[in-house]
Amino acid sequence: MTFFVLDVSKDVKYAFVSLIHAYRRDNMSAKTAKVQDRAIRPAQLQEMLGLSRSAIHRLHAAGLLPSKRRYTGGSSIFYIESEILEFMKNQPQV
């Protein structure tokens, strides 16, 4: 990739950089609003749900909690944030 250095005024550079930042901000906010696929570790899940490890295990064993995942080649588990948020949204309010 080749970059060219142009000799332009500071105002033009500022306007161009501002346009690039606005474009990135608009496009990134649209992408992040749609996708929330972060890995949630079990300790974070406990904090999000306000449940103990054993309660989470019982929900998982009953098939009520979204499935847990494993990192490739490892024993660490995680949950997908969007699945957990959907699970929380579908729970009855007490």
PDB file of N, CA and C in Angstrom:
ATOM      1  N   MET A   1       0.846  -1.166   0.000  1.00  0.00           N
ATOM      2  CA  MET A   1       0.000   0.000   0.000  1.00  0.00           C
ATOM      3  C   MET A   1       0.890   1.227   0.000  1.00  0.00           C
ATOM      4  N   THR A   2       0.566   2.167  -0.852  1.00  0.00           N
ATOM      5  CA  THR A   2       1.360   3.381  -0.984  1.00  0.00           C
ATOM      6  C   THR A   2       0.582   4.570  -0.437  1.00  0.00           C
ATOM      7  N   PHE A   3       1.250   5.370   0.335  1.00  0.00           N
ATOM      8  CA  PHE A   3       0.648   6.574   0.877  1.00  0.00           C
ATOM      9  C   PHE A   3       1.328   7.786   0.253  1.00  0.00           C
ATOM     10  N   PHE A   4       0.544   8.788  -0.062  1.00  0.00           N
ATOM     11  CA  PHE A   4       1.072  10.020  -0.617  1.00  0.00           C
ATOM     12  C   PHE A   4       0.902  11.126   0.410  1.00  0.00           C
ATOM     13  N   VAL A   5       1.899  11.934   0.529  1.00  0.00           N
ATOM     14  CA  VAL A   5       1.847  13.069   1.441  1.00  0.00           C
ATOM     15  C   VAL A   5       1.504  14.293   0.614  1.00  0.00           C
ATOM     16  N   LEU A   6       0.405  14.920   0.931  1.00  0.00           N
ATOM     17  CA  LEU A   6      -0.024  16.106   0.215  1.00  0.00           C
ATOM     18  C   LEU A   6       0.257  17.330   1.057  1.00  0.00           C
ATOM     19  N   ASP A   7       0.630  18.383   0.402  1.00  0.00           N
ATOM     20  CA  ASP A   7       0.872  19.636   1.099  1.00  0.00           C
ATOM     21  C   ASP A   7      -0.412  20.461   1.029  1.00  0.00           C
ATOM     22  N   VAL A   8      -1.242  20.311   2.068  1.00  0.00           N
ATOM     23  CA  VAL A   8      -2.502  21.056   2.124  1.00  0.00           C
ATOM     24  C   VAL A   8      -2.550  21.816   3.429  1.00  0.00           C
ATOM     25  N   SER A   9      -3.464  22.744   3.478  1.00  0.00           N
ATOM     26  CA  SER A   9      -3.554  23.581   4.677  1.00  0.00           C
ATOM     27  C   SER A   9      -4.061  22.759   5.869  1.00  0.00           C
ATOM     28  N   LYS A  10      -3.848  23.272   7.049  1.00  0.00           N
ATOM     29  CA  LYS A  10      -4.282  22.586   8.268  1.00  0.00           C
ATOM     30  C   LYS A  10      -5.794  22.472   8.331  1.00  0.00           C
ATOM     31  N   ASP A  11      -6.506  23.462   7.810  1.00  0.00           N
ATOM     32  CA  ASP A  11      -7.966  23.426   7.829  1.00  0.00           C
ATOM     33  C   ASP A  11      -8.501  22.272   6.987  1.00  0.00           C
ATOM     34  N   VAL A  12      -7.899  22.050   5.832  1.00  0.00           N
ATOM     35  CA  VAL A  12      -8.330  20.957   4.960  1.00  0.00           C
ATOM     36  C   VAL A  12      -8.010  19.620   5.621  1.00  0.00           C
ATOM     37  N   LYS A  13      -6.827  19.505   6.216  1.00  0.00           N
ATOM     38  CA  LYS A  13      -6.460  18.264   6.918  1.00  0.00           C
ATOM     39  C   LYS A  13      -7.438  17.997   8.058  1.00  0.00           C
ATOM     40  N   TYR A  14      -7.756  19.039   8.831  1.00  0.00           N
ATOM     41  CA  TYR A  14      -8.667  18.886   9.959  1.00  0.00           C
ATOM     42  C   TYR A  14     -10.047  18.448   9.478  1.00  0.00           C
ATOM     43  N   ALA A  15     -10.541  19.048   8.390  1.00  0.00           N
ATOM     44  CA  ALA A  15     -11.850  18.686   7.852  1.00  0.00           C
ATOM     45  C   ALA A  15     -11.845  17.244   7.374  1.00  0.00           C
ATOM     46  N   PHE A  16     -10.774  16.838   6.703  1.00  0.00           N
ATOM     47  CA  PHE A  16     -10.678  15.471   6.195  1.00  0.00           C
ATOM     48  C   PHE A  16     -10.629  14.465   7.334  1.00  0.00           C
ATOM     49  N   VAL A  17      -9.817  14.733   8.338  1.00  0.00           N
ATOM     50  CA  VAL A  17      -9.709  13.832   9.491  1.00  0.00           C
ATOM     51  C   VAL A  17     -11.033  13.775  10.239  1.00  0.00           C
ATOM     52  N   SER A  18     -11.724  14.909  10.344  1.00  0.00           N
ATOM     53  CA  SER A  18     -13.027  14.923  11.010  1.00  0.00           C
ATOM     54  C   SER A  18     -14.035  14.060  10.272  1.00  0.00           C
ATOM     55  N   LEU A  19     -14.016  14.121   8.948  1.00  0.00           N
ATOM     56  CA  LEU A  19     -14.912  13.270   8.150  1.00  0.00           C
ATOM     57  C   LEU A  19     -14.613  11.792   8.361  1.00  0.00           C
ATOM     58  N   ILE A  20     -13.338  11.438   8.399  1.00  0.00           N
ATOM     59  CA  ILE A  20     -12.954  10.036   8.609  1.00  0.00           C
ATOM     60  C   ILE A  20     -13.418   9.571   9.980  1.00  0.00           C
ATOM     61  N   HIS A  21     -13.216  10.376  11.012  1.00  0.00           N
ATOM     62  CA  HIS A  21     -13.640   9.998  12.359  1.00  0.00           C
ATOM     63  C   HIS A  21     -15.160   9.860  12.446  1.00  0.00           C
ATOM     64  N   ALA A  22     -15.885  10.761  11.805  1.00  0.00           N
ATOM     65  CA  ALA A  22     -17.350  10.674  11.819  1.00  0.00           C
ATOM     66  C   ALA A  22     -17.819   9.414  11.108  1.00  0.00           C
ATOM     67  N   TYR A  23     -17.186   9.086   9.993  1.00  0.00           N
ATOM     68  CA  TYR A  23     -17.553   7.871   9.257  1.00  0.00           C
ATOM     69  C   TYR A  23     -17.293   6.626  10.110  1.00  0.00           C
ATOM     70  N   ARG A  24     -16.123   6.566  10.718  1.00  0.00           N
ATOM     71  CA  ARG A  24     -15.793   5.405  11.562  1.00  0.00           C
ATOM     72  C   ARG A  24     -16.742   5.306  12.751  1.00  0.00           C
ATOM     73  N   ARG A  25     -17.026   6.445  13.397  1.00  0.00           N
ATOM     74  CA  ARG A  25     -17.918   6.445  14.550  1.00  0.00           C
ATOM     75  C   ARG A  25     -19.297   5.927  14.166  1.00  0.00           C
ATOM     76  N   ASP A  26     -19.842   6.417  13.056  1.00  0.00           N
ATOM     77  CA  ASP A  26     -21.172   5.989  12.624  1.00  0.00           C
ATOM     78  C   ASP A  26     -21.196   4.513  12.263  1.00  0.00           C
ATOM     79  N   ASN A  27     -20.179   4.054  11.555  1.00  0.00           N
ATOM     80  CA  ASN A  27     -20.156   2.650  11.151  1.00  0.00           C
ATOM     81  C   ASN A  27     -19.862   1.717  12.309  1.00  0.00           C
ATOM     82  N   MET A  28     -18.994   2.112  13.211  1.00  0.00           N
ATOM     83  CA  MET A  28     -18.673   1.247  14.347  1.00  0.00           C
ATOM     84  C   MET A  28     -19.835   1.161  15.316  1.00  0.00           C
ATOM     85  N   SER A  29     -20.564   2.271  15.524  1.00  0.00           N
ATOM     86  CA  SER A  29     -21.686   2.215  16.450  1.00  0.00           C
ATOM     87  C   SER A  29     -22.784   1.315  15.889  1.00  0.00           C
ATOM     88  N   ALA A  30     -22.961   1.300  14.577  1.00  0.00           N
ATOM     89  CA  ALA A  30     -23.959   0.419  13.969  1.00  0.00           C
ATOM     90  C   ALA A  30     -23.544  -1.041  14.128  1.00  0.00           C
ATOM     91  N   LYS A  31     -22.255  -1.318  13.980  1.00  0.00           N
ATOM     92  CA  LYS A  31     -21.780  -2.702  14.111  1.00  0.00           C
ATOM     93  C   LYS A  31     -21.855  -3.171  15.560  1.00  0.00           C
ATOM     94  N   THR A  32     -21.446  -2.329  16.497  1.00  0.00           N
ATOM     95  CA  THR A  32     -21.438  -2.749  17.893  1.00  0.00           C
ATOM     96  C   THR A  32     -22.840  -2.839  18.466  1.00  0.00           C
ATOM     97  N   ALA A  33     -23.778  -2.093  17.893  1.00  0.00           N
ATOM     98  CA  ALA A  33     -25.155  -2.176  18.378  1.00  0.00           C
ATOM     99  C   ALA A  33     -25.785  -3.515  17.999  1.00  0.00           C
ATOM    100  N   LYS A  34     -25.351  -4.098  16.884  1.00  0.00           N
ATOM    101  CA  LYS A  34     -25.911  -5.357  16.417  1.00  0.00           C
ATOM    102  C   LYS A  34     -25.250  -6.560  17.073  1.00  0.00           C
ATOM    103  N   VAL A  35     -23.957  -6.495  17.288  1.00  0.00           N
ATOM    104  CA  VAL A  35     -23.207  -7.661  17.748  1.00  0.00           C
ATOM    105  C   VAL A  35     -22.651  -7.405  19.143  1.00  0.00           C
ATOM    106  N   GLN A  36     -23.008  -8.278  20.069  1.00  0.00           N
ATOM    107  CA  GLN A  36     -22.457  -8.206  21.413  1.00  0.00           C
ATOM    108  C   GLN A  36     -21.908  -9.576  21.780  1.00  0.00           C
ATOM    109  N   ASP A  37     -21.037 -10.086  20.968  1.00  0.00           N
ATOM    110  CA  ASP A  37     -20.524 -11.433  21.184  1.00  0.00           C
ATOM    111  C   ASP A  37     -19.189 -11.409  21.900  1.00  0.00           C
ATOM    112  N   ARG A  38     -19.234 -10.948  23.137  1.00  0.00           N
ATOM    113  CA  ARG A  38     -18.049 -11.007  23.986  1.00  0.00           C
ATOM    114  C   ARG A  38     -18.093 -12.300  24.776  1.00  0.00           C
ATOM    115  N   ALA A  39     -16.945 -12.754  25.167  1.00  0.00           N
ATOM    116  CA  ALA A  39     -16.862 -13.941  26.017  1.00  0.00           C
ATOM    117  C   ALA A  39     -17.086 -13.538  27.465  1.00  0.00           C
ATOM    118  N   ILE A  40     -18.002 -14.225  28.130  1.00  0.00           N
ATOM    119  CA  ILE A  40     -18.309 -13.973  29.536  1.00  0.00           C
ATOM    120  C   ILE A  40     -17.815 -15.174  30.332  1.00  0.00           C
ATOM    121  N   ARG A  41     -16.916 -14.930  31.257  1.00  0.00           N
ATOM    122  CA  ARG A  41     -16.386 -16.000  32.098  1.00  0.00           C
ATOM    123  C   ARG A  41     -17.401 -16.338  33.186  1.00  0.00           C
ATOM    124  N   PRO A  42     -17.316 -17.535  33.789  1.00  0.00           N
ATOM    125  CA  PRO A  42     -18.284 -17.933  34.814  1.00  0.00           C
ATOM    126  C   PRO A  42     -18.396 -16.950  35.983  1.00  0.00           C
ATOM    127  N   ALA A  43     -17.307 -16.364  36.409  1.00  0.00           N
ATOM    128  CA  ALA A  43     -17.374 -15.396  37.512  1.00  0.00           C
ATOM    129  C   ALA A  43     -18.168 -14.158  37.101  1.00  0.00           C
ATOM    130  N   GLN A  44     -17.993 -13.719  35.854  1.00  0.00           N
ATOM    131  CA  GLN A  44     -18.764 -12.583  35.354  1.00  0.00           C
ATOM    132  C   GLN A  44     -20.238 -12.955  35.234  1.00  0.00           C
ATOM    133  N   LEU A  45     -20.512 -14.187  34.834  1.00  0.00           N
ATOM    134  CA  LEU A  45     -21.888 -14.655  34.719  1.00  0.00           C
ATOM    135  C   LEU A  45     -22.568 -14.668  36.082  1.00  0.00           C
ATOM    136  N   GLN A  46     -21.849 -15.118  37.104  1.00  0.00           N
ATOM    137  CA  GLN A  46     -22.392 -15.109  38.465  1.00  0.00           C
ATOM    138  C   GLN A  46     -22.782 -13.691  38.867  1.00  0.00           C
ATOM    139  N   GLU A  47     -21.917 -12.744  38.547  1.00  0.00           N
ATOM    140  CA  GLU A  47     -22.189 -11.350  38.903  1.00  0.00           C
ATOM    141  C   GLU A  47     -23.371 -10.800  38.115  1.00  0.00           C
ATOM    142  N   MET A  48     -23.453 -11.128  36.821  1.00  0.00           N
ATOM    143  CA  MET A  48     -24.550 -10.637  35.992  1.00  0.00           C
ATOM    144  C   MET A  48     -25.902 -11.172  36.449  1.00  0.00           C
ATOM    145  N   LEU A  49     -25.946 -12.475  36.777  1.00  0.00           N
ATOM    146  CA  LEU A  49     -27.203 -13.109  37.146  1.00  0.00           C
ATOM    147  C   LEU A  49     -27.504 -13.020  38.630  1.00  0.00           C
ATOM    148  N   GLY A  50     -26.484 -12.781  39.440  1.00  0.00           N
ATOM    149  CA  GLY A  50     -26.681 -12.735  40.883  1.00  0.00           C
ATOM    150  C   GLY A  50     -26.951 -14.111  41.464  1.00  0.00           C
ATOM    151  N   LEU A  51     -26.363 -15.134  40.850  1.00  0.00           N
ATOM    152  CA  LEU A  51     -26.557 -16.522  41.298  1.00  0.00           C
ATOM    153  C   LEU A  51     -25.234 -17.151  41.679  1.00  0.00           C
ATOM    154  N   SER A  52     -25.317 -18.211  42.466  1.00  0.00           N
ATOM    155  CA  SER A  52     -24.114 -18.939  42.857  1.00  0.00           C
ATOM    156  C   SER A  52     -23.685 -19.885  41.733  1.00  0.00           C
ATOM    157  N   ARG A  53     -22.487 -20.443  41.868  1.00  0.00           N
ATOM    158  CA  ARG A  53     -22.009 -21.412  40.879  1.00  0.00           C
ATOM    159  C   ARG A  53     -22.925 -22.616  40.800  1.00  0.00           C
ATOM    160  N   SER A  54     -23.381 -23.091  41.946  1.00  0.00           N
ATOM    161  CA  SER A  54     -24.227 -24.283  41.939  1.00  0.00           C
ATOM    162  C   SER A  54     -25.590 -23.999  41.305  1.00  0.00           C
ATOM    163  N   ALA A  55     -26.128 -22.800  41.521  1.00  0.00           N
ATOM    164  CA  ALA A  55     -27.404 -22.433  40.895  1.00  0.00           C
ATOM    165  C   ALA A  55     -27.251 -22.343  39.379  1.00  0.00           C
ATOM    166  N   ILE A  56     -26.144 -21.786  38.929  1.00  0.00           N
ATOM    167  CA  ILE A  56     -25.878 -21.718  37.492  1.00  0.00           C
ATOM    168  C   ILE A  56     -25.720 -23.116  36.922  1.00  0.00           C
ATOM    169  N   HIS A  57     -25.024 -23.991  37.653  1.00  0.00           N
ATOM    170  CA  HIS A  57     -24.857 -25.381  37.212  1.00  0.00           C
ATOM    171  C   HIS A  57     -26.217 -26.079  37.091  1.00  0.00           C
ATOM    172  N   ARG A  58     -27.113 -25.856  38.055  1.00  0.00           N
ATOM    173  CA  ARG A  58     -28.449 -26.471  37.992  1.00  0.00           C
ATOM    174  C   ARG A  58     -29.238 -25.958  36.793  1.00  0.00           C
ATOM    175  N   LEU A  59     -29.162 -24.654  36.522  1.00  0.00           N
ATOM    176  CA  LEU A  59     -29.844 -24.107  35.344  1.00  0.00           C
ATOM    177  C   LEU A  59     -29.283 -24.706  34.057  1.00  0.00           C
ATOM    178  N   HIS A  60     -27.970 -24.839  34.017  1.00  0.00           N
ATOM    179  CA  HIS A  60     -27.327 -25.408  32.833  1.00  0.00           C
ATOM    180  C   HIS A  60     -27.712 -26.879  32.658  1.00  0.00           C
ATOM    181  N   ALA A  61     -27.743 -27.628  33.749  1.00  0.00           N
ATOM    182  CA  ALA A  61     -28.100 -29.054  33.687  1.00  0.00           C
ATOM    183  C   ALA A  61     -29.561 -29.244  33.269  1.00  0.00           C
ATOM    184  N   ALA A  62     -30.413 -28.296  33.640  1.00  0.00           N
ATOM    185  CA  ALA A  62     -31.825 -28.373  33.266  1.00  0.00           C
ATOM    186  C   ALA A  62     -32.069 -27.880  31.842  1.00  0.00           C
ATOM    187  N   GLY A  63     -31.030 -27.345  31.200  1.00  0.00           N
ATOM    188  CA  GLY A  63     -31.163 -26.859  29.835  1.00  0.00           C
ATOM    189  C   GLY A  63     -31.799 -25.487  29.736  1.00  0.00           C
ATOM    190  N   LEU A  64     -31.848 -24.762  30.835  1.00  0.00           N
ATOM    191  CA  LEU A  64     -32.467 -23.443  30.833  1.00  0.00           C
ATOM    192  C   LEU A  64     -31.487 -22.321  30.501  1.00  0.00           C
ATOM    193  N   LEU A  65     -30.236 -22.558  30.744  1.00  0.00           N
ATOM    194  CA  LEU A  65     -29.206 -21.554  30.515  1.00  0.00           C
ATOM    195  C   LEU A  65     -28.564 -21.807  29.151  1.00  0.00           C
ATOM    196  N   PRO A  66     -28.194 -20.761  28.417  1.00  0.00           N
ATOM    197  CA  PRO A  66     -27.497 -20.972  27.144  1.00  0.00           C
ATOM    198  C   PRO A  66     -26.240 -21.817  27.337  1.00  0.00           C
ATOM    199  N   SER A  67     -25.889 -22.564  26.319  1.00  0.00           N
ATOM    200  CA  SER A  67     -24.773 -23.500  26.444  1.00  0.00           C
ATOM    201  C   SER A  67     -23.451 -22.777  26.664  1.00  0.00           C
ATOM    202  N   LYS A  68     -22.587 -23.439  27.416  1.00  0.00           N
ATOM    203  CA  LYS A  68     -21.258 -22.887  27.654  1.00  0.00           C
ATOM    204  C   LYS A  68     -20.339 -23.356  26.531  1.00  0.00           C
ATOM    205  N   ARG A  69     -19.282 -22.622  26.310  1.00  0.00           N
ATOM    206  CA  ARG A  69     -18.321 -22.918  25.250  1.00  0.00           C
ATOM    207  C   ARG A  69     -16.957 -23.135  25.866  1.00  0.00           C
ATOM    208  N   ARG A  70     -16.087 -23.770  25.111  1.00  0.00           N
ATOM    209  CA  ARG A  70     -14.701 -23.966  25.533  1.00  0.00           C
ATOM    210  C   ARG A  70     -13.768 -23.317  24.525  1.00  0.00           C
ATOM    211  N   TYR A  71     -12.700 -22.734  25.050  1.00  0.00           N
ATOM    212  CA  TYR A  71     -11.668 -22.221  24.164  1.00  0.00           C
ATOM    213  C   TYR A  71     -10.994 -23.402  23.485  1.00  0.00           C
ATOM    214  N   THR A  72     -10.550 -23.220  22.262  1.00  0.00           N
ATOM    215  CA  THR A  72      -9.912 -24.291  21.500  1.00  0.00           C
ATOM    216  C   THR A  72      -8.666 -24.787  22.221  1.00  0.00           C
ATOM    217  N   GLY A  73      -8.628 -26.070  22.482  1.00  0.00           N
ATOM    218  CA  GLY A  73      -7.464 -26.682  23.098  1.00  0.00           C
ATOM    219  C   GLY A  73      -7.305 -26.387  24.574  1.00  0.00           C
ATOM    220  N   GLY A  74      -8.302 -25.834  25.210  1.00  0.00           N
ATOM    221  CA  GLY A  74      -8.170 -25.495  26.619  1.00  0.00           C
ATOM    222  C   GLY A  74      -9.327 -26.027  27.430  1.00  0.00           C
ATOM    223  N   SER A  75      -9.223 -25.831  28.714  1.00  0.00           N
ATOM    224  CA  SER A  75     -10.289 -26.296  29.597  1.00  0.00           C
ATOM    225  C   SER A  75     -11.134 -25.139  30.126  1.00  0.00           C
ATOM    226  N   SER A  76     -10.761 -23.903  29.790  1.00  0.00           N
ATOM    227  CA  SER A  76     -11.514 -22.735  30.246  1.00  0.00           C
ATOM    228  C   SER A  76     -12.829 -22.642  29.497  1.00  0.00           C
ATOM    229  N   ILE A  77     -13.880 -22.306  30.245  1.00  0.00           N
ATOM    230  CA  ILE A  77     -15.184 -22.171  29.614  1.00  0.00           C
ATOM    231  C   ILE A  77     -15.616 -20.710  29.617  1.00  0.00           C
ATOM    232  N   PHE A  78     -16.550 -20.396  28.726  1.00  0.00           N
ATOM    233  CA  PHE A  78     -17.111 -19.059  28.655  1.00  0.00           C
ATOM    234  C   PHE A  78     -18.510 -19.148  28.075  1.00  0.00           C
ATOM    235  N   TYR A  79     -19.234 -18.057  28.208  1.00  0.00           N
ATOM    236  CA  TYR A  79     -20.571 -17.928  27.641  1.00  0.00           C
ATOM    237  C   TYR A  79     -20.550 -16.751  26.682  1.00  0.00           C
ATOM    238  N   ILE A  80     -21.482 -16.721  25.743  1.00  0.00           N
ATOM    239  CA  ILE A  80     -21.592 -15.620  24.792  1.00  0.00           C
ATOM    240  C   ILE A  80     -22.521 -14.560  25.386  1.00  0.00           C
ATOM    241  N   GLU A  81     -22.045 -13.314  25.432  1.00  0.00           N
ATOM    242  CA  GLU A  81     -22.782 -12.247  26.095  1.00  0.00           C
ATOM    243  C   GLU A  81     -24.168 -12.041  25.495  1.00  0.00           C
ATOM    244  N   SER A  82     -24.290 -12.064  24.166  1.00  0.00           N
ATOM    245  CA  SER A  82     -25.600 -11.819  23.544  1.00  0.00           C
ATOM    246  C   SER A  82     -26.602 -12.901  23.936  1.00  0.00           C
ATOM    247  N   GLU A  83     -26.144 -14.152  24.079  1.00  0.00           N
ATOM    248  CA  GLU A  83     -27.029 -15.237  24.506  1.00  0.00           C
ATOM    249  C   GLU A  83     -27.472 -15.054  25.952  1.00  0.00           C
ATOM    250  N   ILE A  84     -26.567 -14.617  26.804  1.00  0.00           N
ATOM    251  CA  ILE A  84     -26.898 -14.393  28.210  1.00  0.00           C
ATOM    252  C   ILE A  84     -27.871 -13.225  28.340  1.00  0.00           C
ATOM    253  N   LEU A  85     -27.646 -12.153  27.580  1.00  0.00           N
ATOM    254  CA  LEU A  85     -28.554 -11.005  27.634  1.00  0.00           C
ATOM    255  C   LEU A  85     -29.949 -11.395  27.133  1.00  0.00           C
ATOM    256  N   GLU A  86     -30.014 -12.232  26.118  1.00  0.00           N
ATOM    257  CA  GLU A  86     -31.308 -12.717  25.626  1.00  0.00           C
ATOM    258  C   GLU A  86     -31.992 -13.583  26.685  1.00  0.00           C
ATOM    259  N   PHE A  87     -31.214 -14.431  27.354  1.00  0.00           N
ATOM    260  CA  PHE A  87     -31.743 -15.261  28.443  1.00  0.00           C
ATOM    261  C   PHE A  87     -32.320 -14.388  29.550  1.00  0.00           C
ATOM    262  N   MET A  88     -31.588 -13.334  29.932  1.00  0.00           N
ATOM    263  CA  MET A  88     -32.040 -12.442  30.997  1.00  0.00           C
ATOM    264  C   MET A  88     -33.295 -11.681  30.584  1.00  0.00           C
ATOM    265  N   LYS A  89     -33.369 -11.282  29.315  1.00  0.00           N
ATOM    266  CA  LYS A  89     -34.516 -10.532  28.827  1.00  0.00           C
ATOM    267  C   LYS A  89     -35.787 -11.387  28.844  1.00  0.00           C
ATOM    268  N   ASN A  90     -35.663 -12.689  28.620  1.00  0.00           N
ATOM    269  CA  ASN A  90     -36.813 -13.584  28.539  1.00  0.00           C
ATOM    270  C   ASN A  90     -37.268 -14.130  29.899  1.00  0.00           C
ATOM    271  N   GLN A  91     -36.573 -13.761  30.970  1.00  0.00           N
ATOM    272  CA  GLN A  91     -36.964 -14.233  32.294  1.00  0.00           C
ATOM    273  C   GLN A  91     -38.114 -13.401  32.839  1.00  0.00           C
ATOM    274  N   PRO A  92     -39.058 -14.040  33.534  1.00  0.00           N
ATOM    275  CA  PRO A  92     -40.166 -13.273  34.113  1.00  0.00           C
ATOM    276  C   PRO A  92     -39.665 -12.324  35.206  1.00  0.00           C
ATOM    277  N   GLN A  93     -40.268 -11.159  35.277  1.00  0.00           N
ATOM    278  CA  GLN A  93     -39.904 -10.184  36.304  1.00  0.00           C
ATOM    279  C   GLN A  93     -40.632 -10.524  37.593  1.00  0.00           C
ATOM    280  N   VAL A  94     -39.893 -10.534  38.681  1.00  0.00           N
ATOM    281  CA  VAL A  94     -40.485 -10.872  39.990  1.00  0.00           C
ATOM    282  C   VAL A  94     -40.684  -9.597  40.783  1.00  0.00           C
TER     283      VAL A  94
END
